[in-house]
Protein backbone atom coordinates (compact mmCIF):
# COMPACT_ATOMS: atom_id res chain seq x y z
CA MET A 1 17.57 20.57 -36.41
CA GLN A 2 21.33 20.09 -36.43
CA SER A 3 23.67 22.34 -38.37
CA ARG A 4 27.08 21.44 -39.78
CA ASN A 5 28.34 24.99 -39.22
CA LEU A 6 28.24 24.59 -35.41
CA PRO A 7 31.09 23.09 -33.40
CA LYS A 8 30.47 19.44 -32.67
CA LEU A 9 30.10 17.97 -29.20
CA VAL A 10 30.63 14.21 -28.84
CA VAL A 11 28.21 12.85 -26.25
CA ALA A 12 27.89 9.33 -24.86
CA VAL A 13 24.61 7.87 -23.63
CA ILE A 14 23.00 4.53 -22.86
CA ALA A 15 19.79 4.06 -24.79
CA MET A 16 16.67 3.49 -22.75
CA LYS A 17 13.24 3.47 -24.33
CA TYR A 18 11.18 6.57 -23.50
CA MET A 19 13.88 7.94 -21.17
CA MET A 20 17.00 8.14 -23.37
CA GLU A 21 15.57 7.10 -26.71
CA LEU A 22 17.63 7.33 -29.89
CA LYS A 23 16.55 7.43 -33.52
CA THR A 24 18.31 7.16 -36.89
CA ASN A 25 18.01 9.97 -39.45
CA ASN A 26 18.17 9.76 -43.25
CA GLN A 27 21.98 9.75 -43.16
CA SER A 28 21.96 6.72 -40.83
CA ARG A 29 23.15 8.95 -38.02
CA LEU A 30 22.01 8.54 -34.44
CA GLU A 31 19.99 11.42 -33.05
CA LEU A 32 18.41 12.19 -29.70
CA SER A 33 14.64 11.81 -29.58
CA ASN A 34 12.20 14.32 -28.14
CA THR A 35 11.30 12.33 -25.03
CA GLY A 36 12.56 12.25 -21.47
CA GLU A 37 16.22 12.81 -20.67
CA ALA A 38 17.13 12.67 -24.38
CA ARG A 39 15.01 15.76 -24.98
CA TYR A 40 16.61 17.50 -22.00
CA LEU A 41 20.11 16.79 -23.34
CA LYS A 42 19.12 17.87 -26.85
CA GLU A 43 17.78 21.22 -25.60
CA LEU A 44 20.87 21.69 -23.45
CA ILE A 45 23.26 21.18 -26.36
CA SER A 46 21.20 23.53 -28.51
CA ALA A 47 21.32 26.25 -25.84
CA LEU A 48 25.05 25.71 -25.54
CA GLY A 49 25.42 26.41 -29.28
CA PHE A 50 26.82 23.05 -30.38
CA ASP A 51 26.04 20.36 -32.88
CA TYR A 52 26.41 16.83 -31.49
CA GLU A 53 27.38 13.27 -32.27
CA VAL A 54 25.92 10.43 -30.24
CA ARG A 55 27.94 7.39 -29.22
CA GLN A 56 27.19 4.39 -27.04
CA PRO A 57 29.55 2.16 -25.00
CA LYS A 58 30.10 -1.23 -26.58
CA ASP A 59 29.71 -3.03 -23.28
CA GLY A 60 26.53 -1.11 -22.42
CA GLU A 61 27.79 -0.21 -18.95
CA TYR A 62 27.67 3.08 -17.09
CA GLY A 63 31.14 2.79 -15.64
CA ARG A 64 32.90 0.59 -13.09
CA LEU A 65 36.49 0.87 -11.92
CA MET A 66 38.36 -2.34 -12.67
CA LYS A 67 41.23 -3.75 -10.60
CA ASN A 68 43.75 -2.77 -13.28
CA GLY A 69 42.75 0.91 -13.01
CA THR A 70 40.67 1.10 -16.18
CA TRP A 71 37.02 2.02 -16.38
CA THR A 72 34.23 0.28 -18.22
CA GLY A 73 31.33 1.78 -20.14
CA LEU A 74 30.75 5.51 -20.35
CA PHE A 75 33.61 6.46 -18.04
CA GLY A 76 35.92 4.23 -20.02
CA MET A 77 35.11 6.38 -23.05
CA ILE A 78 35.99 9.51 -21.06
CA GLN A 79 39.20 7.88 -19.83
CA ARG A 80 40.19 7.11 -23.44
CA ASN A 81 39.27 10.69 -24.44
CA GLU A 82 36.65 9.45 -26.93
CA VAL A 83 33.81 11.74 -25.81
CA ASP A 84 33.33 15.23 -24.42
CA LEU A 85 30.20 14.72 -22.32
CA VAL A 86 28.30 11.83 -20.74
CA CYS A 87 24.62 11.98 -19.81
CA ALA A 88 22.92 8.89 -18.42
CA GLY A 89 21.53 9.63 -14.98
CA LEU A 90 25.00 9.33 -13.45
CA MET A 91 25.60 9.07 -9.72
CA MET A 92 28.27 11.48 -8.47
CA THR A 93 31.02 9.61 -6.57
CA ASP A 94 34.53 10.52 -5.44
CA LYS A 95 36.18 7.90 -7.68
CA ARG A 96 34.33 9.13 -10.75
CA ALA A 97 35.16 12.75 -9.86
CA GLY A 98 38.85 11.85 -10.04
CA LEU A 99 38.44 10.88 -13.70
CA ALA A 100 35.96 13.48 -14.97
CA ASP A 101 34.38 16.77 -13.93
CA PHE A 102 30.72 16.86 -12.97
CA THR A 103 28.35 19.61 -13.96
CA THR A 104 25.79 21.30 -11.74
CA PRO A 105 23.34 18.57 -10.60
CA TYR A 106 20.09 18.51 -12.55
CA SER A 107 18.25 15.90 -10.49
CA GLY A 108 18.33 14.06 -7.21
CA THR A 109 16.66 10.87 -6.04
CA PRO A 110 17.00 8.25 -3.28
CA LEU A 111 17.89 4.61 -3.86
CA THR A 112 15.13 2.14 -3.12
CA PHE A 113 13.66 -1.07 -4.56
CA ALA A 114 10.58 -2.39 -6.30
CA ILE A 115 9.19 -5.89 -5.97
CA GLY A 116 6.26 -7.73 -7.52
CA LYS A 117 2.99 -7.34 -5.66
CA ALA A 118 1.78 -10.29 -3.67
CA GLY A 119 -1.16 -12.22 -5.04
CA GLU A 120 -4.42 -13.04 -3.34
CA LYS A 121 -4.01 -14.61 0.06
CA THR A 122 -5.64 -18.02 0.46
CA PRO A 123 -8.06 -17.91 3.41
CA THR A 124 -7.04 -19.98 6.42
CA THR A 125 -8.86 -21.27 9.48
CA ASP A 126 -8.13 -18.07 11.40
CA ALA A 127 -9.25 -15.80 8.55
CA PHE A 128 -12.10 -14.48 10.72
CA LEU A 129 -9.42 -12.75 12.83
CA ASP A 130 -8.03 -10.77 9.87
CA PRO A 131 -10.31 -7.69 10.18
CA PHE A 132 -8.43 -6.63 13.34
CA GLN A 133 -4.74 -6.69 14.12
CA ASN A 134 -3.52 -8.82 17.02
CA LYS A 135 -2.96 -5.70 19.12
CA VAL A 136 -6.61 -4.72 18.67
CA TRP A 137 -7.84 -8.18 19.66
CA PHE A 138 -5.69 -8.18 22.81
CA ALA A 139 -6.89 -4.67 23.67
CA CYS A 140 -10.54 -5.76 23.32
CA LEU A 141 -10.00 -8.84 25.50
CA GLY A 142 -8.15 -6.76 28.07
CA THR A 143 -11.01 -4.25 28.17
CA MET A 144 -13.56 -7.04 28.66
CA PHE A 145 -11.60 -8.60 31.52
CA ALA A 146 -11.15 -5.19 33.17
CA VAL A 147 -14.89 -4.43 33.02
CA ALA A 148 -15.70 -7.94 34.29
CA PHE A 149 -13.35 -7.44 37.24
CA ILE A 150 -14.97 -4.11 38.14
CA VAL A 151 -18.49 -5.55 37.94
CA ARG A 152 -17.36 -8.55 40.01
CA LEU A 153 -16.50 -6.16 42.86
CA GLU A 154 -20.22 -5.73 43.40
CA GLY A 155 -20.36 -9.39 44.43
CA ARG A 156 -23.73 -10.29 42.92
CA HIS A 157 -22.50 -12.63 40.14
CA SER A 158 -19.54 -14.91 39.51
CA PHE A 159 -16.65 -13.70 37.37
CA LEU A 160 -17.30 -16.41 34.74
CA ARG A 161 -20.96 -15.43 34.48
CA ILE A 162 -20.02 -11.78 33.96
CA LEU A 163 -17.55 -12.73 31.21
CA PHE A 164 -20.23 -14.74 29.40
CA GLU A 165 -22.65 -11.83 29.61
CA LEU A 166 -20.11 -9.29 28.32
CA GLY A 167 -19.05 -11.62 25.50
CA GLY A 168 -22.69 -12.18 24.58
CA SER A 169 -23.27 -8.43 24.36
CA VAL A 170 -20.59 -8.23 21.65
CA LEU A 171 -22.69 -10.79 19.74
CA ARG A 172 -25.74 -8.49 20.08
CA GLN A 173 -27.23 -10.33 23.10
CA ARG A 174 -28.96 -8.63 26.05
CA ILE A 175 -26.99 -8.25 29.28
CA ALA A 176 -29.05 -10.04 31.97
CA ILE A 177 -26.93 -8.94 34.94
CA ILE A 178 -27.85 -5.28 34.51
CA ASP A 179 -31.14 -5.67 36.44
CA GLY A 180 -30.83 -4.40 39.98
CA SER A 181 -27.13 -3.76 39.57
CA SER A 182 -25.35 -0.72 40.96
CA MET A 183 -23.06 -0.88 37.90
CA LYS A 184 -25.78 0.13 35.46
CA MET A 185 -23.91 3.10 33.99
CA LEU A 186 -20.75 1.02 33.42
CA LEU A 187 -22.73 -1.74 31.74
CA VAL A 188 -24.61 0.76 29.57
CA LEU A 189 -21.28 2.19 28.41
CA TRP A 190 -20.04 -1.35 27.76
CA SER A 191 -23.16 -2.06 25.66
CA ALA A 192 -22.42 1.00 23.50
CA TYR A 193 -18.78 -0.13 23.17
CA ALA A 194 -19.86 -3.67 22.26
CA LEU A 195 -22.24 -2.34 19.60
CA LEU A 196 -19.49 -0.21 18.08
CA LEU A 197 -17.03 -3.11 18.18
CA SER A 198 -19.39 -5.61 16.55
CA SER A 199 -20.49 -3.11 13.87
CA THR A 200 -16.88 -2.30 13.00
CA TYR A 201 -15.95 -5.96 12.83
CA SER A 202 -18.95 -6.77 10.61
CA SER A 203 -18.15 -3.99 8.15
CA MET A 204 -14.46 -4.95 8.03
CA LEU A 205 -15.29 -8.63 7.53
CA LEU A 206 -17.70 -7.74 4.71
CA SER A 207 -15.02 -5.68 2.96
CA PHE A 208 -12.54 -8.57 3.31
CA MET A 209 -15.08 -10.91 1.75
CA THR A 210 -15.85 -8.47 -1.09
CA ILE A 211 -12.23 -7.74 -2.01
CA PRO A 212 -9.83 -10.69 -1.61
CA ASN A 213 -7.08 -10.11 0.91
CA GLN A 214 -3.63 -9.67 -0.60
CA GLY A 215 -0.50 -11.34 0.71
CA LYS A 216 2.12 -9.30 2.51
CA ASN A 217 4.99 -7.79 0.53
CA VAL A 218 8.59 -7.27 1.56
CA GLU A 219 8.47 -3.55 2.35
CA THR A 220 11.89 -2.56 3.76
CA PHE A 221 15.53 -3.27 3.03
CA GLU A 222 15.86 -5.04 6.38
CA GLN A 223 12.98 -7.39 5.49
CA LEU A 224 14.51 -7.91 2.04
CA ALA A 225 17.86 -8.82 3.60
CA LYS A 226 16.19 -11.37 5.90
CA ALA A 227 14.29 -12.87 2.94
CA VAL A 228 17.51 -13.11 0.87
CA LYS A 229 19.31 -14.70 3.81
CA ALA A 230 16.46 -17.22 4.15
CA GLY A 231 16.84 -18.11 0.47
CA THR A 232 13.29 -17.17 -0.56
CA HIS A 233 14.07 -13.89 -2.37
CA LYS A 234 16.75 -12.26 -4.45
CA CYS A 235 17.53 -8.69 -5.50
CA SER A 236 19.32 -7.24 -8.51
CA VAL A 237 20.77 -3.95 -9.71
CA GLN A 238 21.30 -2.51 -13.17
CA ARG A 239 24.28 -4.04 -14.96
CA GLY A 240 27.26 -1.74 -15.37
CA THR A 241 26.39 0.55 -12.47
CA ASN A 242 28.30 0.92 -9.23
CA THR A 243 25.16 0.54 -7.10
CA ALA A 244 26.29 -2.74 -5.53
CA THR A 245 29.73 -1.29 -4.72
CA TYR A 246 28.04 1.76 -3.23
CA MET A 247 25.84 -0.50 -1.07
CA ILE A 248 28.85 -2.42 0.24
CA ALA A 249 30.52 0.87 1.22
CA THR A 250 27.59 1.95 3.42
CA GLU A 251 27.64 1.54 7.20
CA THR A 252 24.26 -0.21 7.43
CA GLU A 253 24.77 -3.94 7.96
CA HIS A 254 21.77 -5.25 5.98
CA ILE A 255 22.53 -2.93 3.04
CA GLN A 256 26.12 -4.21 2.99
CA TYR A 257 24.86 -7.78 3.03
CA LEU A 258 22.58 -7.18 0.03
CA GLY A 259 25.42 -5.54 -1.93
CA LYS A 260 27.74 -8.49 -1.28
CA GLU A 261 25.05 -10.99 -2.28
CA ILE A 262 24.44 -9.11 -5.53
CA GLU A 263 28.12 -9.19 -6.47
CA SER A 264 28.74 -12.79 -5.40
CA ASN A 265 25.64 -14.16 -7.17
CA ASP A 266 25.88 -11.90 -10.24
CA TRP A 267 22.37 -10.56 -9.75
CA TYR A 268 22.12 -7.92 -12.50
CA TYR A 269 19.55 -6.87 -15.05
CA ASN A 270 20.06 -5.12 -18.36
CA THR A 271 18.94 -1.58 -19.10
CA GLU A 272 16.59 -2.66 -21.89
CA ASP A 273 14.74 -4.94 -19.44
CA MET A 274 13.79 -2.02 -17.18
CA GLY A 275 10.02 -1.81 -16.83
CA LYS A 276 9.34 -5.20 -18.44
CA HIS A 277 8.99 -7.22 -15.21
CA LYS A 278 11.64 -9.66 -16.46
CA THR A 279 13.57 -9.55 -13.19
CA LEU A 280 10.66 -8.40 -11.04
CA ASP A 281 8.19 -10.70 -9.30
CA TYR A 282 7.05 -11.51 -5.78
CA PHE A 283 10.42 -13.13 -4.99
CA SER A 284 12.69 -10.76 -6.95
CA ALA A 285 13.41 -7.07 -6.33
CA GLU A 286 15.09 -4.37 -8.43
CA ILE A 287 17.25 -1.82 -6.60
CA THR A 288 17.78 1.50 -8.37
CA TYR A 289 16.75 5.16 -8.35
CA ALA A 290 13.30 5.83 -6.93
CA SER A 291 12.61 8.17 -9.87
CA GLU A 292 13.23 5.36 -12.37
CA LEU A 293 11.00 2.97 -10.45
CA ARG A 294 8.18 5.52 -10.35
CA PHE A 295 8.71 6.16 -14.06
CA PHE A 296 8.13 2.53 -15.00
CA TYR A 297 6.07 1.02 -12.20
CA SER A 298 3.78 3.70 -10.73
CA GLY A 299 1.11 3.67 -13.45
CA PRO A 300 -2.40 2.22 -13.23
CA GLY A 301 -2.52 -1.56 -13.26
CA SER A 302 1.12 -1.91 -12.26
CA GLN A 303 2.01 -5.21 -10.63
CA ALA A 304 4.99 -3.74 -8.77
CA PHE A 305 5.26 -2.51 -5.20
CA ILE A 306 7.69 0.41 -4.71
CA SER A 307 9.21 0.52 -1.25
CA ARG A 308 9.22 3.73 0.77
CA ASP A 309 12.40 2.65 2.51
CA THR A 310 15.54 4.35 1.17
CA PHE A 311 19.19 4.19 2.19
CA SER A 312 20.84 7.07 0.34
CA ASP A 313 20.06 10.25 -1.59
CA VAL A 314 21.82 10.32 -4.95
CA ILE A 315 22.88 13.50 -6.79
CA ILE A 316 22.63 13.13 -10.57
CA ALA A 317 24.76 15.22 -12.93
CA MET A 318 26.53 15.04 -16.29
CA ALA A 319 30.20 14.11 -16.56
CA VAL A 320 32.57 15.97 -18.91
CA LYS A 321 36.19 15.37 -19.72
CA LYS A 322 38.83 17.29 -17.82
CA GLY A 323 39.49 20.73 -19.26
CA PHE A 324 36.13 21.02 -21.05
CA CYS A 325 35.99 24.40 -22.78
CA CYS A 326 32.48 25.54 -21.85
CA MET A 327 32.04 24.27 -18.31
CA GLU A 328 30.94 27.61 -16.84
CA LYS A 329 28.40 28.26 -19.61
CA LEU A 330 27.11 24.69 -19.36
CA ASN A 331 26.55 25.01 -15.59
CA SER A 332 24.76 28.32 -16.11
CA ILE A 333 22.36 26.77 -18.63
CA ILE A 334 21.68 23.77 -16.35
CA ALA A 335 20.91 26.16 -13.49
CA ARG A 336 18.38 28.02 -15.64
CA PHE A 337 16.83 24.74 -16.81
CA ASN A 338 16.56 23.63 -13.18
CA ALA A 339 14.80 26.86 -12.23
CA ALA A 340 12.30 26.31 -15.05
CA GLY A 341 11.71 22.64 -14.06
CA LEU A 342 12.41 21.41 -17.59
CA TYR A 343 13.91 18.07 -16.57
CA GLU A 344 10.88 17.10 -14.47
CA LYS A 345 8.57 18.28 -17.25
CA PHE A 346 10.28 16.19 -19.94
CA VAL A 347 10.46 13.10 -17.72
CA ASP A 348 6.79 13.37 -16.72
CA ASP A 349 5.78 13.63 -20.38
CA ALA A 350 7.83 10.56 -21.24
CA SER A 351 6.35 8.64 -18.31
CA PHE A 352 2.85 9.50 -19.52
CA LEU A 353 3.68 8.17 -23.00
CA TYR A 354 5.16 4.99 -21.54
CA HIS A 355 2.09 4.20 -19.42
CA LEU A 356 -0.22 5.11 -22.29
CA ASP A 357 1.53 2.62 -24.56
CA TYR A 358 1.63 0.05 -21.75
CA MET A 359 -2.13 0.27 -21.30
CA LYS A 360 -2.64 -0.12 -25.06
CA THR A 361 -0.45 -3.20 -25.36
CA SER A 362 -1.29 -4.93 -22.08
CA LYS A 363 -4.16 -7.34 -22.22
CA PRO A 364 -7.10 -6.38 -19.98
CA LYS A 365 -8.12 -8.91 -17.40
CA LYS A 366 -11.27 -10.75 -18.31
CA ASP A 367 -13.99 -11.10 -15.74
CA GLU A 368 -13.96 -14.86 -15.79
CA LYS A 369 -16.29 -16.88 -13.62
CA LYS A 370 -14.17 -18.87 -11.23
CA GLN A 371 -15.26 -22.02 -9.47
CA LEU A 372 -15.25 -21.90 -5.71
CA SER A 373 -12.34 -24.11 -4.66
CA PHE A 374 -12.07 -26.09 -1.46
CA ASP A 375 -9.03 -24.07 -0.40
CA ARG A 376 -11.19 -20.96 -0.37
CA VAL A 377 -13.77 -22.37 2.03
CA LYS A 378 -11.85 -24.94 4.05
CA GLY A 379 -11.15 -22.43 6.82
CA SER A 380 -14.83 -21.54 7.10
CA LEU A 381 -15.83 -25.22 7.00
CA VAL A 382 -13.40 -26.12 9.77
CA LEU A 383 -14.67 -23.24 11.88
CA LEU A 384 -18.28 -24.26 11.19
CA LEU A 385 -17.58 -27.87 12.17
CA VAL A 386 -15.89 -26.73 15.37
CA GLY A 387 -18.95 -24.61 16.15
CA TYR A 388 -21.31 -27.51 15.48
CA LEU A 389 -19.20 -29.81 17.64
CA ALA A 390 -19.20 -27.32 20.50
CA SER A 391 -22.96 -26.90 20.14
CA ILE A 392 -23.52 -30.66 20.26
CA ILE A 393 -21.32 -30.96 23.35
CA VAL A 394 -23.23 -28.16 25.08
CA PHE A 395 -26.56 -29.71 24.03
CA LEU A 396 -25.60 -33.12 25.41
CA GLY A 397 -24.31 -31.44 28.55
CA GLU A 398 -27.60 -29.66 29.08
CA ILE A 399 -29.52 -32.95 28.65
CA PHE A 400 -27.22 -34.66 31.12
CA MET A 401 -27.54 -31.84 33.65
CA PHE A 402 -31.32 -31.87 33.27
CA LYS A 403 -31.43 -35.63 33.87
CA CYS A 404 -29.18 -35.25 36.89
CA ARG A 405 -31.44 -32.60 38.35
CA VAL A 406 -34.56 -34.74 37.70
CA TRP A 407 -32.96 -37.78 39.33
CA THR A 408 -31.86 -35.68 42.28
CA ARG A 409 -35.39 -34.35 42.77
CA ILE A 410 -36.85 -37.88 42.56
CA ASP A 411 -34.40 -39.10 45.15
CA VAL A 412 -35.21 -36.22 47.44
CA PHE A 413 -38.94 -36.78 46.95
CA LYS A 414 -38.65 -40.47 47.77
CA THR A 415 -36.57 -39.73 50.82
CA SER A 416 -39.07 -37.15 52.05
CA LYS A 417 -41.86 -39.77 51.77
CA ILE A 418 -39.96 -42.63 53.37
CA VAL A 419 -38.59 -40.80 56.39
CA PRO A 420 -42.03 -39.84 57.86
CA VAL A 421 -43.23 -43.41 57.40
CA LEU A 422 -40.21 -44.79 59.15
CA PHE A 423 -40.58 -42.22 61.87
CA THR A 424 -44.30 -43.06 62.28
CA GLY A 425 -43.52 -46.76 62.33
CA SER A 426 -41.08 -46.27 65.15
CA LEU A 427 -43.82 -44.69 67.24
CA LEU A 428 -46.04 -47.70 66.77
């Protein structure tokens, strides 16, 4: 409850639903709500012993330094001496510190990005290889060739025959070359390995069939830079912030590239669009504080993927005009609030309310019966046809080999009958 007898503190903020939410009282005066960072600021002003007046920048920006030396947004208001204090999750930078004083930091977070989750991956012809990574497949083949080479040293069977037997054991077939072999222990160990391999593959394949495989997301800034360079993706930052400028000033090449692309293509999103997926899909990423991304996109049913890759840790503090009267007392109160964990508590409560409202308003997915499309089964059909074709070729080959053997035996039989006759005739 505000009192007119207290000294007034003019504060500037940027409204953000749930995080820095404002409300209008009976006198049509803006007040701070009791959620998120707004609640933290309200409690801080109360502990400082001040009344307050809330103002917002007309351009809605946090503050960028223009070429003519003036500042936009919140820092423009400080530069024009219109406000005493600014609270809006501000990043501490050297240029901003030259215009205003920063309080004791009350939060810290890295910069990262969020991107829309990939949809279901359409099965392809090689989908049966998905349960194992390529490295695993190569390791299995290498192990089979190594065992075949060792068994071949015995000299009883050909290398190709041994490979067929070992491959058949993976398909749950009996190993015929184990009889009378001095490599019995090795082949027994291989049989146990083959059983484990086939069982693992079967369980993995069943899980892939039960839950559709998802496409692969862009997970790092380096991958994002390559996708932007290829023209398939784009990334954006919050309008009015100096995030793009900060990215250009870094020493990492792909981060610099993303910052330059953001500025040259005017890739920005507005504060009120945060958390609404307006600039976030599989081909579009939002770059901002990791804490903000977790606030809006980490709830159940979220369609956003938050990257674990970061490029800088940001210190967040409030900015006050030069010569502020109560700087020491203000820093002391912030230090006590930090020790009590009030900021994290207020933000977590606001995040819970946001996700609760999101779940109420979002439409639940209906369990609709979907027709089985050709794209879903074309890979399996192609593989089945290839198997049938190989089986037919092998079948015809076996018939041909059988006929050849029969003809060879007939020829040998005839020759064995004719030669004695000829020999006997020569005696006569």
